[in-house]
Amino acid sequence: MTELPLPARRLSDSVVALRPWRTTDLPDNLMQYQDPLIQEFSWTHATPYTEEDARAYFMAQEQGRLRGEHGGLCPH
């Protein structure tokens, strides 16, 4: 498959913007996936969710985009 290019224009509306994950997103990502409700209903991976897990998730998102498999972006 071919790399999925990032949009040339910013993807946003008046509520949310989408962009690639950054290491500065780690604190928010860690916080949300440590929430018991998120773990119970929508996250099937490691519990507790660690910084290492978040970094691996970010890397997997970018690698998937580069392989053309998916375009996981960060809601910001």
C-alpha atoms as a PDB file:
ATOM      1  CA  MET A   1       0.000   0.000   0.000  1.00  0.00           C
ATOM      2  CA  THR A   2       0.982   3.620  -0.420  1.00  0.00           C
ATOM      3  CA  GLU A   3       1.550   6.093   2.373  1.00  0.00           C
ATOM      4  CA  LEU A   4      -1.548   8.098   3.282  1.00  0.00           C
ATOM      5  CA  PRO A   5      -0.476  11.730   2.967  1.00  0.00           C
ATOM      6  CA  LEU A   6      -1.336  14.196   5.677  1.00  0.00           C
ATOM      7  CA  PRO A   7      -3.850  16.806   4.548  1.00  0.00           C
ATOM      8  CA  ALA A   8      -2.354  19.964   3.067  1.00  0.00           C
ATOM      9  CA  ARG A   9      -5.027  22.019   4.831  1.00  0.00           C
ATOM     10  CA  ARG A  10      -5.824  21.869   8.528  1.00  0.00           C
ATOM     11  CA  LEU A  11      -8.736  19.546   9.333  1.00  0.00           C
ATOM     12  CA  SER A  12     -10.910  21.461  11.745  1.00  0.00           C
ATOM     13  CA  ASP A  13     -14.256  22.969  12.503  1.00  0.00           C
ATOM     14  CA  SER A  14     -15.429  25.179  15.363  1.00  0.00           C
ATOM     15  CA  VAL A  15     -15.155  22.290  17.841  1.00  0.00           C
ATOM     16  CA  VAL A  16     -12.248  20.000  16.996  1.00  0.00           C
ATOM     17  CA  ALA A  17      -9.094  19.871  14.879  1.00  0.00           C
ATOM     18  CA  LEU A  18      -7.322  16.713  13.688  1.00  0.00           C
ATOM     19  CA  ARG A  19      -3.551  16.369  13.412  1.00  0.00           C
ATOM     20  CA  PRO A  20      -0.861  13.716  13.853  1.00  0.00           C
ATOM     21  CA  TRP A  21      -0.089  12.626  17.413  1.00  0.00           C
ATOM     22  CA  ARG A  22       2.790  14.427  19.160  1.00  0.00           C
ATOM     23  CA  THR A  23       4.788  13.570  22.244  1.00  0.00           C
ATOM     24  CA  THR A  24       3.195  16.630  23.881  1.00  0.00           C
ATOM     25  CA  ASP A  25      -0.102  14.679  23.715  1.00  0.00           C
ATOM     26  CA  LEU A  26       1.230  12.036  26.124  1.00  0.00           C
ATOM     27  CA  PRO A  27      -0.223  13.519  29.350  1.00  0.00           C
ATOM     28  CA  ASP A  28      -3.749  13.812  27.914  1.00  0.00           C
ATOM     29  CA  ASN A  29      -3.546  10.406  26.258  1.00  0.00           C
ATOM     30  CA  LEU A  30      -2.376   8.805  29.496  1.00  0.00           C
ATOM     31  CA  MET A  31      -5.130  10.511  31.479  1.00  0.00           C
ATOM     32  CA  GLN A  32      -7.953   9.419  29.194  1.00  0.00           C
ATOM     33  CA  TYR A  33      -6.871   5.787  28.960  1.00  0.00           C
ATOM     34  CA  GLN A  34      -6.421   5.500  32.710  1.00  0.00           C
ATOM     35  CA  ASP A  35     -10.111   6.363  33.149  1.00  0.00           C
ATOM     36  CA  PRO A  36     -11.916   3.185  34.332  1.00  0.00           C
ATOM     37  CA  LEU A  37     -14.931   3.816  32.073  1.00  0.00           C
ATOM     38  CA  ILE A  38     -12.763   4.084  28.975  1.00  0.00           C
ATOM     39  CA  GLN A  39     -10.889   0.948  29.996  1.00  0.00           C
ATOM     40  CA  GLU A  40     -14.155  -0.914  30.549  1.00  0.00           C
ATOM     41  CA  PHE A  41     -15.968   0.086  27.372  1.00  0.00           C
ATOM     42  CA  SER A  42     -13.509   1.069  24.677  1.00  0.00           C
ATOM     43  CA  TRP A  43      -9.935   0.100  25.446  1.00  0.00           C
ATOM     44  CA  THR A  44      -8.899  -3.532  25.316  1.00  0.00           C
ATOM     45  CA  HIS A  45      -5.148  -3.053  25.679  1.00  0.00           C
ATOM     46  CA  ALA A  46      -2.834  -2.790  28.674  1.00  0.00           C
ATOM     47  CA  THR A  47      -4.217  -1.948  32.089  1.00  0.00           C
ATOM     48  CA  PRO A  48      -2.776   0.110  33.632  1.00  0.00           C
ATOM     49  CA  TYR A  49      -2.008   2.207  30.579  1.00  0.00           C
ATOM     50  CA  THR A  50       1.556   3.501  30.794  1.00  0.00           C
ATOM     51  CA  GLU A  51       3.647   6.134  29.028  1.00  0.00           C
ATOM     52  CA  GLU A  52       5.326   3.300  27.140  1.00  0.00           C
ATOM     53  CA  ASP A  53       1.889   2.133  25.928  1.00  0.00           C
ATOM     54  CA  ALA A  54       1.037   5.667  24.766  1.00  0.00           C
ATOM     55  CA  ARG A  55       4.325   6.037  22.891  1.00  0.00           C
ATOM     56  CA  ALA A  56       3.785   2.648  21.216  1.00  0.00           C
ATOM     57  CA  TYR A  57       0.248   3.709  20.230  1.00  0.00           C
ATOM     58  CA  PHE A  58       1.514   6.952  18.673  1.00  0.00           C
ATOM     59  CA  MET A  59       4.196   5.040  16.776  1.00  0.00           C
ATOM     60  CA  ALA A  60       1.696   2.430  15.567  1.00  0.00           C
ATOM     61  CA  GLN A  61      -0.605   5.182  14.283  1.00  0.00           C
ATOM     62  CA  GLU A  62       2.192   6.780  12.257  1.00  0.00           C
ATOM     63  CA  GLN A  63       3.484   3.448  10.961  1.00  0.00           C
ATOM     64  CA  GLY A  64      -0.040   2.495   9.858  1.00  0.00           C
ATOM     65  CA  ARG A  65      -0.348   5.809   7.996  1.00  0.00           C
ATOM     66  CA  LEU A  66       3.021   5.277   6.297  1.00  0.00           C
ATOM     67  CA  ARG A  67       1.924   1.780   5.203  1.00  0.00           C
ATOM     68  CA  GLY A  68      -1.385   3.198   3.903  1.00  0.00           C
ATOM     69  CA  GLU A  69      -3.460   1.106   6.299  1.00  0.00           C
ATOM     70  CA  HIS A  70      -5.126   3.823   8.366  1.00  0.00           C
ATOM     71  CA  GLY A  71      -4.925   7.498   9.124  1.00  0.00           C
ATOM     72  CA  GLY A  72      -5.211   7.765  12.883  1.00  0.00           C
ATOM     73  CA  LEU A  73      -5.130  11.407  13.914  1.00  0.00           C
ATOM     74  CA  CYS A  74      -5.257  13.198  17.237  1.00  0.00           C
ATOM     75  CA  PRO A  75      -8.449  15.117  18.038  1.00  0.00           C
ATOM     76  CA  HIS A  76      -7.291  18.414  19.426  1.00  0.00           C
END
